[in-house]
Amino acid sequence: MPENNEAKWYIIHTFGGYEKKVKMSIESYAQAQGMQDIIQEVFLPTDVVVETKNGKRKEKEVLRFPNYLFLKLVYGNNDKLDKELWYRIRNTNGVTGFVAPDPNKPIPMTEEDQIKMGLIVPTVVEVDYQIGDLIIITDGPFKDNKAVVKDINAEKQQVTVTVSMFGRETPVTLDFIKVRKV
């Protein structure tokens, strides 16, 4: 089999309520085994929704895809390592298996699948700000708030900023298109 060290995205199905536990377990395993170059990212997409109860606004983080999480990993290069990795992930407490036609053979997501699910933005957005700059949020529950850029993730097209809420600095991750430089 030709060597391909390019990581691809795979979907894992979990029992309800186990998504965060599975994420932490796989990340811990990757770190303990020194496999960060194989298991590159464990992604659990969430959205912030605003609820109003008894006249009070409350922000709540909800899972975008309950019972699923996404793994970016290098798979398909080494039969022995692949079998061990598949076995370890499949037998993580809370995991029911990889999402694939054959549950014994994971298949990566296509770029088209990733775009349809909103995991990647098909166009590249150029940003005119950098870490430490002051920006303004242009969309969502924090619209019109000013924030300070703490991290820029070009691959995910997201920026992490800190917003002052209730006298505390709170980190918020937003898509590039939801902020602009002041």
N, C-alpha and C. Protein backbone atom coordinates (compact mmCIF):
# COMPACT_ATOMS: atom_id res chain seq x y z
N MET A 1 0.85 -1.18 0.00
CA MET A 1 0.00 0.00 0.00
C MET A 1 0.89 1.24 0.00
N PRO A 2 0.65 2.23 -0.87
CA PRO A 2 1.50 3.41 -0.89
C PRO A 2 1.36 4.21 0.39
N GLU A 3 2.46 4.82 0.81
CA GLU A 3 2.43 5.59 2.04
C GLU A 3 1.74 6.93 1.80
N ASN A 4 0.82 7.26 2.67
CA ASN A 4 0.08 8.52 2.59
C ASN A 4 -0.04 9.05 4.00
N ASN A 5 0.73 10.08 4.32
CA ASN A 5 0.73 10.63 5.67
C ASN A 5 -0.27 11.77 5.84
N GLU A 6 -1.16 11.94 4.87
CA GLU A 6 -2.13 13.01 4.97
C GLU A 6 -3.28 12.57 5.87
N ALA A 7 -3.58 13.40 6.85
CA ALA A 7 -4.68 13.08 7.76
C ALA A 7 -6.01 13.36 7.07
N LYS A 8 -7.00 12.55 7.40
CA LYS A 8 -8.34 12.71 6.85
C LYS A 8 -9.33 12.69 8.01
N TRP A 9 -10.54 13.18 7.73
CA TRP A 9 -11.59 13.24 8.74
C TRP A 9 -12.45 11.98 8.69
N TYR A 10 -12.74 11.42 9.86
CA TYR A 10 -13.60 10.27 10.02
C TYR A 10 -14.68 10.62 11.04
N ILE A 11 -15.84 9.95 10.95
CA ILE A 11 -16.93 10.20 11.88
C ILE A 11 -17.06 9.00 12.82
N ILE A 12 -17.22 9.29 14.09
CA ILE A 12 -17.44 8.26 15.09
C ILE A 12 -18.83 8.45 15.69
N HIS A 13 -19.55 7.36 15.87
CA HIS A 13 -20.87 7.40 16.50
C HIS A 13 -20.70 7.03 17.97
N THR A 14 -21.38 7.78 18.85
CA THR A 14 -21.29 7.52 20.28
C THR A 14 -22.68 7.33 20.88
N PHE A 15 -22.72 6.82 22.08
CA PHE A 15 -23.96 6.79 22.84
C PHE A 15 -24.29 8.22 23.23
N GLY A 16 -25.57 8.52 23.39
CA GLY A 16 -25.99 9.86 23.79
C GLY A 16 -25.42 10.23 25.15
N GLY A 17 -24.91 11.45 25.24
CA GLY A 17 -24.35 11.93 26.49
C GLY A 17 -22.90 11.56 26.71
N TYR A 18 -22.31 10.77 25.82
CA TYR A 18 -20.92 10.32 25.98
C TYR A 18 -19.95 11.10 25.08
N GLU A 19 -20.45 12.04 24.30
CA GLU A 19 -19.61 12.71 23.31
C GLU A 19 -18.36 13.35 23.94
N LYS A 20 -18.54 14.11 25.00
CA LYS A 20 -17.40 14.80 25.62
C LYS A 20 -16.44 13.82 26.29
N LYS A 21 -17.00 12.77 26.91
CA LYS A 21 -16.17 11.75 27.55
C LYS A 21 -15.32 11.02 26.51
N VAL A 22 -15.94 10.69 25.38
CA VAL A 22 -15.21 10.00 24.31
C VAL A 22 -14.10 10.90 23.77
N LYS A 23 -14.43 12.17 23.56
CA LYS A 23 -13.44 13.14 23.05
C LYS A 23 -12.23 13.18 23.99
N MET A 24 -12.49 13.34 25.28
CA MET A 24 -11.40 13.41 26.25
C MET A 24 -10.61 12.11 26.31
N SER A 25 -11.29 11.00 26.22
CA SER A 25 -10.64 9.70 26.29
C SER A 25 -9.70 9.48 25.10
N ILE A 26 -10.17 9.80 23.91
CA ILE A 26 -9.34 9.62 22.71
C ILE A 26 -8.16 10.59 22.72
N GLU A 27 -8.39 11.84 23.15
CA GLU A 27 -7.29 12.81 23.23
C GLU A 27 -6.25 12.36 24.25
N SER A 28 -6.70 11.84 25.40
CA SER A 28 -5.77 11.35 26.43
C SER A 28 -4.96 10.16 25.90
N TYR A 29 -5.63 9.26 25.20
CA TYR A 29 -4.95 8.10 24.63
C TYR A 29 -3.87 8.55 23.64
N ALA A 30 -4.23 9.47 22.75
CA ALA A 30 -3.27 9.95 21.75
C ALA A 30 -2.05 10.56 22.42
N GLN A 31 -2.28 11.35 23.46
CA GLN A 31 -1.17 12.00 24.15
C GLN A 31 -0.33 10.97 24.91
N ALA A 32 -0.98 10.05 25.62
CA ALA A 32 -0.26 9.05 26.41
C ALA A 32 0.59 8.13 25.53
N GLN A 33 0.10 7.84 24.32
CA GLN A 33 0.81 6.95 23.41
C GLN A 33 1.75 7.69 22.47
N GLY A 34 1.79 9.02 22.57
CA GLY A 34 2.63 9.81 21.66
C GLY A 34 2.14 9.72 20.22
N MET A 35 0.82 9.66 20.04
CA MET A 35 0.23 9.47 18.71
C MET A 35 -0.42 10.75 18.16
N GLN A 36 0.04 11.92 18.61
CA GLN A 36 -0.56 13.16 18.12
C GLN A 36 -0.35 13.35 16.63
N ASP A 37 0.66 12.69 16.06
CA ASP A 37 0.86 12.78 14.62
C ASP A 37 -0.09 11.85 13.86
N ILE A 38 -0.67 10.87 14.55
CA ILE A 38 -1.65 9.95 13.94
C ILE A 38 -3.08 10.45 14.22
N ILE A 39 -3.40 10.64 15.50
CA ILE A 39 -4.70 11.19 15.90
C ILE A 39 -4.48 12.69 16.08
N GLN A 40 -4.74 13.45 15.02
CA GLN A 40 -4.36 14.86 15.03
C GLN A 40 -5.39 15.77 15.68
N GLU A 41 -6.67 15.40 15.59
CA GLU A 41 -7.69 16.26 16.19
C GLU A 41 -8.95 15.45 16.47
N VAL A 42 -9.57 15.75 17.59
CA VAL A 42 -10.88 15.18 17.94
C VAL A 42 -11.80 16.39 18.05
N PHE A 43 -12.79 16.46 17.17
CA PHE A 43 -13.62 17.66 17.05
C PHE A 43 -15.07 17.35 17.39
N LEU A 44 -15.61 18.13 18.30
CA LEU A 44 -17.00 18.00 18.72
C LEU A 44 -17.66 19.35 18.46
N PRO A 45 -18.33 19.50 17.31
CA PRO A 45 -18.93 20.79 16.96
C PRO A 45 -20.07 21.17 17.91
N THR A 46 -20.01 22.41 18.38
CA THR A 46 -21.06 22.94 19.25
C THR A 46 -21.50 24.30 18.74
N ASP A 47 -22.70 24.69 19.13
CA ASP A 47 -23.23 26.01 18.82
C ASP A 47 -23.73 26.63 20.10
N VAL A 48 -23.70 27.95 20.16
CA VAL A 48 -24.25 28.67 21.30
C VAL A 48 -25.66 29.12 20.93
N VAL A 49 -26.63 28.73 21.75
CA VAL A 49 -28.01 29.15 21.52
C VAL A 49 -28.45 29.98 22.72
N VAL A 50 -29.36 30.89 22.46
CA VAL A 50 -29.87 31.75 23.52
C VAL A 50 -31.28 31.30 23.86
N GLU A 51 -31.50 31.00 25.13
CA GLU A 51 -32.82 30.60 25.60
C GLU A 51 -33.36 31.69 26.51
N THR A 52 -34.67 31.84 26.50
CA THR A 52 -35.30 32.77 27.43
C THR A 52 -36.23 31.97 28.32
N LYS A 53 -35.94 31.98 29.63
CA LYS A 53 -36.76 31.28 30.61
C LYS A 53 -37.12 32.27 31.71
N ASN A 54 -38.40 32.35 32.00
CA ASN A 54 -38.88 33.27 33.04
C ASN A 54 -38.36 34.68 32.82
N GLY A 55 -38.28 35.09 31.56
CA GLY A 55 -37.85 36.44 31.22
C GLY A 55 -36.35 36.66 31.29
N LYS A 56 -35.57 35.63 31.54
CA LYS A 56 -34.11 35.76 31.62
C LYS A 56 -33.46 35.09 30.43
N ARG A 57 -32.54 35.83 29.81
CA ARG A 57 -31.77 35.27 28.69
C ARG A 57 -30.64 34.43 29.23
N LYS A 58 -30.47 33.26 28.64
CA LYS A 58 -29.39 32.38 29.05
C LYS A 58 -28.76 31.76 27.81
N GLU A 59 -27.46 31.84 27.73
CA GLU A 59 -26.75 31.22 26.62
C GLU A 59 -26.40 29.79 27.00
N LYS A 60 -26.56 28.91 26.04
CA LYS A 60 -26.33 27.49 26.29
C LYS A 60 -25.57 26.91 25.10
N GLU A 61 -24.58 26.10 25.40
CA GLU A 61 -23.83 25.42 24.35
C GLU A 61 -24.50 24.09 24.05
N VAL A 62 -24.83 23.86 22.78
CA VAL A 62 -25.47 22.60 22.39
C VAL A 62 -24.64 21.92 21.31
N LEU A 63 -24.72 20.61 21.28
CA LEU A 63 -24.00 19.84 20.27
C LEU A 63 -24.65 20.04 18.91
N ARG A 64 -23.85 20.32 17.90
CA ARG A 64 -24.38 20.47 16.54
C ARG A 64 -24.82 19.12 15.98
N PHE A 65 -24.07 18.07 16.30
CA PHE A 65 -24.39 16.72 15.84
C PHE A 65 -24.37 15.78 17.04
N PRO A 66 -25.47 15.72 17.81
CA PRO A 66 -25.48 14.82 18.97
C PRO A 66 -25.16 13.38 18.55
N ASN A 67 -24.42 12.69 19.39
CA ASN A 67 -24.02 11.29 19.19
C ASN A 67 -22.90 11.11 18.17
N TYR A 68 -22.31 12.19 17.68
CA TYR A 68 -21.23 12.07 16.70
C TYR A 68 -20.07 12.97 17.08
N LEU A 69 -18.86 12.50 16.78
CA LEU A 69 -17.70 13.37 16.82
C LEU A 69 -16.80 13.02 15.66
N PHE A 70 -15.88 13.91 15.39
CA PHE A 70 -15.07 13.82 14.19
C PHE A 70 -13.61 13.68 14.56
N LEU A 71 -12.94 12.74 13.89
CA LEU A 71 -11.52 12.48 14.14
C LEU A 71 -10.72 12.81 12.90
N LYS A 72 -9.69 13.60 13.08
CA LYS A 72 -8.74 13.84 11.99
C LYS A 72 -7.54 12.96 12.29
N LEU A 73 -7.37 11.95 11.44
CA LEU A 73 -6.27 11.03 11.71
C LEU A 73 -5.67 10.48 10.43
N VAL A 74 -4.45 9.99 10.59
CA VAL A 74 -3.75 9.31 9.50
C VAL A 74 -4.09 7.83 9.65
N TYR A 75 -4.71 7.27 8.61
CA TYR A 75 -5.19 5.89 8.68
C TYR A 75 -4.99 5.25 7.32
N GLY A 76 -4.63 3.99 7.30
CA GLY A 76 -4.50 3.27 6.04
C GLY A 76 -3.07 3.08 5.57
N ASN A 77 -2.09 3.39 6.43
CA ASN A 77 -0.68 3.23 6.05
C ASN A 77 -0.05 1.96 6.57
N ASN A 78 -0.53 1.47 7.71
CA ASN A 78 0.12 0.38 8.39
C ASN A 78 -0.96 -0.55 8.94
N ASP A 79 -1.12 -1.72 8.35
CA ASP A 79 -2.22 -2.62 8.72
C ASP A 79 -2.24 -2.92 10.22
N LYS A 80 -1.08 -3.21 10.80
CA LYS A 80 -1.04 -3.56 12.23
C LYS A 80 -1.45 -2.36 13.08
N LEU A 81 -0.85 -1.20 12.82
CA LEU A 81 -1.18 0.01 13.58
C LEU A 81 -2.64 0.40 13.36
N ASP A 82 -3.11 0.30 12.11
CA ASP A 82 -4.51 0.64 11.81
C ASP A 82 -5.48 -0.25 12.59
N LYS A 83 -5.19 -1.55 12.65
CA LYS A 83 -6.07 -2.47 13.39
C LYS A 83 -6.07 -2.14 14.88
N GLU A 84 -4.89 -1.85 15.43
CA GLU A 84 -4.81 -1.49 16.84
C GLU A 84 -5.54 -0.19 17.12
N LEU A 85 -5.35 0.79 16.24
CA LEU A 85 -6.01 2.08 16.40
C LEU A 85 -7.52 1.93 16.28
N TRP A 86 -7.99 1.20 15.27
CA TRP A 86 -9.42 0.97 15.10
C TRP A 86 -9.98 0.28 16.34
N TYR A 87 -9.27 -0.74 16.83
CA TYR A 87 -9.72 -1.48 17.99
C TYR A 87 -9.81 -0.56 19.21
N ARG A 88 -8.78 0.26 19.42
CA ARG A 88 -8.75 1.16 20.59
C ARG A 88 -9.89 2.18 20.52
N ILE A 89 -10.09 2.78 19.37
CA ILE A 89 -11.16 3.78 19.23
C ILE A 89 -12.51 3.10 19.37
N ARG A 90 -12.69 2.00 18.68
CA ARG A 90 -13.98 1.28 18.69
C ARG A 90 -14.34 0.82 20.10
N ASN A 91 -13.34 0.48 20.91
CA ASN A 91 -13.59 -0.01 22.26
C ASN A 91 -13.46 1.06 23.34
N THR A 92 -13.41 2.32 22.94
CA THR A 92 -13.46 3.42 23.89
C THR A 92 -14.87 3.44 24.49
N ASN A 93 -14.95 3.58 25.81
CA ASN A 93 -16.25 3.60 26.48
C ASN A 93 -17.14 4.68 25.87
N GLY A 94 -18.30 4.29 25.36
CA GLY A 94 -19.26 5.23 24.78
C GLY A 94 -19.28 5.23 23.26
N VAL A 95 -18.30 4.59 22.62
CA VAL A 95 -18.24 4.56 21.15
C VAL A 95 -19.01 3.34 20.64
N THR A 96 -19.85 3.57 19.62
CA THR A 96 -20.53 2.43 18.99
C THR A 96 -19.80 2.00 17.73
N GLY A 97 -19.01 2.91 17.13
CA GLY A 97 -18.22 2.55 15.96
C GLY A 97 -18.00 3.72 15.02
N PHE A 98 -17.24 3.46 13.98
CA PHE A 98 -17.05 4.44 12.92
C PHE A 98 -18.30 4.46 12.05
N VAL A 99 -18.60 5.60 11.47
CA VAL A 99 -19.71 5.69 10.52
C VAL A 99 -19.15 5.32 9.15
N ALA A 100 -19.58 4.16 8.65
CA ALA A 100 -19.09 3.65 7.36
C ALA A 100 -19.99 2.50 6.93
N PRO A 101 -20.04 2.21 5.63
CA PRO A 101 -20.85 1.07 5.17
C PRO A 101 -20.39 -0.25 5.80
N ASP A 102 -19.08 -0.41 5.95
CA ASP A 102 -18.53 -1.59 6.61
C ASP A 102 -17.95 -1.11 7.94
N PRO A 103 -18.57 -1.46 9.07
CA PRO A 103 -18.10 -0.97 10.36
C PRO A 103 -16.68 -1.39 10.71
N ASN A 104 -16.14 -2.37 9.98
CA ASN A 104 -14.77 -2.80 10.23
C ASN A 104 -13.74 -2.06 9.39
N LYS A 105 -14.20 -1.19 8.50
CA LYS A 105 -13.27 -0.47 7.62
C LYS A 105 -13.70 0.99 7.53
N PRO A 106 -13.14 1.85 8.37
CA PRO A 106 -13.50 3.27 8.33
C PRO A 106 -13.17 3.89 6.98
N ILE A 107 -14.03 4.77 6.52
CA ILE A 107 -13.74 5.52 5.30
C ILE A 107 -13.76 7.01 5.64
N PRO A 108 -12.86 7.78 5.04
CA PRO A 108 -12.81 9.21 5.37
C PRO A 108 -13.96 9.97 4.73
N MET A 109 -14.25 11.11 5.34
CA MET A 109 -15.25 12.02 4.79
C MET A 109 -14.67 12.68 3.56
N THR A 110 -15.52 12.96 2.58
CA THR A 110 -15.06 13.72 1.42
C THR A 110 -15.12 15.20 1.78
N GLU A 111 -14.41 16.00 1.02
CA GLU A 111 -14.46 17.45 1.25
C GLU A 111 -15.88 17.97 1.06
N GLU A 112 -16.59 17.39 0.10
CA GLU A 112 -17.99 17.77 -0.14
C GLU A 112 -18.84 17.49 1.11
N ASP A 113 -18.63 16.35 1.75
CA ASP A 113 -19.36 16.02 2.99
C ASP A 113 -19.05 17.05 4.07
N GLN A 114 -17.79 17.40 4.18
CA GLN A 114 -17.38 18.35 5.21
C GLN A 114 -18.01 19.72 4.98
N ILE A 115 -18.11 20.13 3.74
CA ILE A 115 -18.73 21.41 3.42
C ILE A 115 -20.23 21.36 3.73
N LYS A 116 -20.90 20.28 3.32
CA LYS A 116 -22.34 20.14 3.57
C LYS A 116 -22.66 20.17 5.05
N MET A 117 -21.79 19.60 5.87
CA MET A 117 -22.03 19.56 7.31
C MET A 117 -21.56 20.82 8.02
N GLY A 118 -21.00 21.74 7.26
CA GLY A 118 -20.54 23.00 7.85
C GLY A 118 -19.27 22.86 8.65
N LEU A 119 -18.51 21.79 8.41
CA LEU A 119 -17.27 21.60 9.14
C LEU A 119 -16.13 22.40 8.55
N ILE A 120 -16.20 22.65 7.25
CA ILE A 120 -15.21 23.52 6.62
C ILE A 120 -15.94 24.54 5.76
N VAL A 121 -15.33 25.69 5.64
CA VAL A 121 -15.88 26.76 4.81
C VAL A 121 -15.22 26.64 3.45
N PRO A 122 -16.02 26.57 2.36
CA PRO A 122 -15.43 26.31 1.06
C PRO A 122 -14.55 27.44 0.53
N THR A 123 -14.76 28.64 0.99
CA THR A 123 -13.94 29.75 0.52
C THR A 123 -12.97 30.16 1.62
N VAL A 124 -11.82 30.61 1.21
CA VAL A 124 -10.83 31.06 2.18
C VAL A 124 -11.05 32.54 2.44
N VAL A 125 -11.18 32.88 3.71
CA VAL A 125 -11.39 34.27 4.10
C VAL A 125 -10.06 34.83 4.56
N GLU A 126 -9.65 35.92 3.96
CA GLU A 126 -8.43 36.62 4.38
C GLU A 126 -8.78 37.53 5.54
N VAL A 127 -7.95 37.55 6.57
CA VAL A 127 -8.21 38.42 7.71
C VAL A 127 -7.18 39.54 7.76
N ASP A 128 -7.61 40.71 8.24
CA ASP A 128 -6.73 41.85 8.32
C ASP A 128 -6.39 42.18 9.78
N TYR A 129 -6.54 41.21 10.66
CA TYR A 129 -6.22 41.40 12.06
C TYR A 129 -5.28 40.29 12.50
N GLN A 130 -4.68 40.49 13.67
CA GLN A 130 -3.77 39.49 14.20
C GLN A 130 -3.99 39.36 15.70
N ILE A 131 -3.31 38.43 16.31
CA ILE A 131 -3.46 38.20 17.74
C ILE A 131 -3.15 39.49 18.50
N GLY A 132 -4.05 39.84 19.41
CA GLY A 132 -3.90 41.06 20.20
C GLY A 132 -4.71 42.24 19.68
N ASP A 133 -5.19 42.15 18.42
CA ASP A 133 -5.97 43.25 17.84
C ASP A 133 -7.38 43.29 18.42
N LEU A 134 -7.96 44.49 18.39
CA LEU A 134 -9.34 44.69 18.80
C LEU A 134 -10.24 44.51 17.57
N ILE A 135 -11.28 43.70 17.73
CA ILE A 135 -12.22 43.46 16.63
C ILE A 135 -13.63 43.71 17.14
N ILE A 136 -14.58 43.74 16.20
CA ILE A 136 -15.99 43.85 16.57
C ILE A 136 -16.71 42.64 15.99
N ILE A 137 -17.61 42.08 16.78
CA ILE A 137 -18.37 40.91 16.34
C ILE A 137 -19.58 41.41 15.55
N THR A 138 -19.77 40.86 14.35
CA THR A 138 -20.80 41.37 13.44
C THR A 138 -22.04 40.50 13.34
N ASP A 139 -22.02 39.32 14.00
CA ASP A 139 -23.17 38.42 13.88
C ASP A 139 -23.26 37.52 15.10
N GLY A 140 -24.44 37.03 15.40
CA GLY A 140 -24.63 36.09 16.49
C GLY A 140 -24.99 36.77 17.79
N PRO A 141 -24.99 36.01 18.88
CA PRO A 141 -25.43 36.53 20.17
C PRO A 141 -24.53 37.64 20.73
N PHE A 142 -23.29 37.72 20.27
CA PHE A 142 -22.36 38.74 20.75
C PHE A 142 -22.24 39.93 19.80
N LYS A 143 -23.18 40.04 18.86
CA LYS A 143 -23.14 41.08 17.85
C LYS A 143 -22.93 42.46 18.48
N ASP A 144 -22.07 43.24 17.83
CA ASP A 144 -21.72 44.60 18.23
C ASP A 144 -20.82 44.69 19.46
N ASN A 145 -20.40 43.56 20.02
CA ASN A 145 -19.44 43.57 21.12
C ASN A 145 -18.03 43.68 20.56
N LYS A 146 -17.20 44.41 21.29
CA LYS A 146 -15.78 44.47 20.94
C LYS A 146 -15.07 43.36 21.69
N ALA A 147 -14.03 42.82 21.06
CA ALA A 147 -13.29 41.71 21.65
C ALA A 147 -11.83 41.77 21.23
N VAL A 148 -10.99 41.04 21.94
CA VAL A 148 -9.57 40.98 21.64
C VAL A 148 -9.25 39.61 21.05
N VAL A 149 -8.50 39.58 19.95
CA VAL A 149 -8.13 38.34 19.28
C VAL A 149 -7.08 37.60 20.11
N LYS A 150 -7.39 36.32 20.45
CA LYS A 150 -6.46 35.50 21.22
C LYS A 150 -5.82 34.40 20.38
N ASP A 151 -6.54 33.92 19.35
CA ASP A 151 -6.01 32.85 18.51
C ASP A 151 -6.68 32.90 17.15
N ILE A 152 -5.94 32.54 16.11
CA ILE A 152 -6.48 32.48 14.75
C ILE A 152 -6.21 31.08 14.21
N ASN A 153 -7.27 30.38 13.79
CA ASN A 153 -7.14 29.03 13.24
C ASN A 153 -7.53 29.10 11.76
N ALA A 154 -6.53 29.25 10.89
CA ALA A 154 -6.78 29.41 9.46
C ALA A 154 -7.42 28.16 8.87
N GLU A 155 -7.03 26.97 9.35
CA GLU A 155 -7.58 25.73 8.80
C GLU A 155 -9.10 25.65 9.01
N LYS A 156 -9.55 26.01 10.20
CA LYS A 156 -10.99 25.97 10.50
C LYS A 156 -11.69 27.27 10.13
N GLN A 157 -10.91 28.28 9.72
CA GLN A 157 -11.48 29.60 9.40
C GLN A 157 -12.19 30.18 10.61
N GLN A 158 -11.54 30.06 11.80
CA GLN A 158 -12.13 30.55 13.03
C GLN A 158 -11.13 31.38 13.81
N VAL A 159 -11.68 32.30 14.59
CA VAL A 159 -10.88 33.14 15.46
C VAL A 159 -11.42 32.99 16.88
N THR A 160 -10.50 32.89 17.85
CA THR A 160 -10.90 32.86 19.25
C THR A 160 -10.62 34.24 19.82
N VAL A 161 -11.63 34.81 20.46
CA VAL A 161 -11.54 36.15 21.02
C VAL A 161 -11.97 36.08 22.48
N THR A 162 -11.65 37.14 23.23
CA THR A 162 -12.18 37.24 24.59
C THR A 162 -13.17 38.39 24.63
N VAL A 163 -14.34 38.09 25.17
CA VAL A 163 -15.42 39.05 25.30
C VAL A 163 -15.63 39.30 26.79
N SER A 164 -15.84 40.55 27.17
CA SER A 164 -16.09 40.87 28.56
C SER A 164 -17.56 40.65 28.86
N MET A 165 -17.83 39.67 29.75
CA MET A 165 -19.21 39.36 30.14
C MET A 165 -19.27 39.31 31.66
N PHE A 166 -20.18 40.06 32.24
CA PHE A 166 -20.37 40.07 33.68
C PHE A 166 -19.07 40.34 34.42
N GLY A 167 -18.25 41.22 33.85
CA GLY A 167 -16.99 41.60 34.48
C GLY A 167 -15.88 40.59 34.34
N ARG A 168 -16.10 39.56 33.52
CA ARG A 168 -15.07 38.53 33.32
C ARG A 168 -14.76 38.40 31.85
N GLU A 169 -13.51 38.07 31.55
CA GLU A 169 -13.11 37.82 30.18
C GLU A 169 -13.47 36.38 29.83
N THR A 170 -14.27 36.22 28.77
CA THR A 170 -14.75 34.91 28.38
C THR A 170 -14.29 34.60 26.96
N PRO A 171 -13.62 33.44 26.73
CA PRO A 171 -13.20 33.10 25.37
C PRO A 171 -14.39 32.63 24.53
N VAL A 172 -14.43 33.10 23.28
CA VAL A 172 -15.48 32.73 22.34
C VAL A 172 -14.82 32.44 21.01
N THR A 173 -15.20 31.33 20.36
CA THR A 173 -14.67 30.98 19.05
C THR A 173 -15.73 31.28 18.00
N LEU A 174 -15.33 32.05 16.97
CA LEU A 174 -16.25 32.50 15.93
C LEU A 174 -15.66 32.26 14.55
N ASP A 175 -16.53 32.14 13.55
CA ASP A 175 -16.07 32.06 12.17
C ASP A 175 -15.49 33.40 11.75
N PHE A 176 -14.52 33.37 10.85
CA PHE A 176 -13.89 34.60 10.35
C PHE A 176 -14.92 35.61 9.87
N ILE A 177 -15.98 35.13 9.22
CA ILE A 177 -16.93 36.04 8.59
C ILE A 177 -17.83 36.74 9.61
N LYS A 178 -17.71 36.39 10.89
CA LYS A 178 -18.56 37.01 11.92
C LYS A 178 -17.86 38.11 12.70
N VAL A 179 -16.65 38.47 12.27
CA VAL A 179 -15.91 39.54 12.94
C VAL A 179 -15.24 40.44 11.91
N ARG A 180 -14.93 41.66 12.35
CA ARG A 180 -14.14 42.57 11.52
C ARG A 180 -13.26 43.42 12.43
N LYS A 181 -12.20 43.93 11.86
CA LYS A 181 -11.27 44.76 12.61
C LYS A 181 -11.91 46.11 12.91
N VAL A 182 -11.67 46.64 14.12
CA VAL A 182 -12.23 47.94 14.50
C VAL A 182 -11.46 49.03 13.80
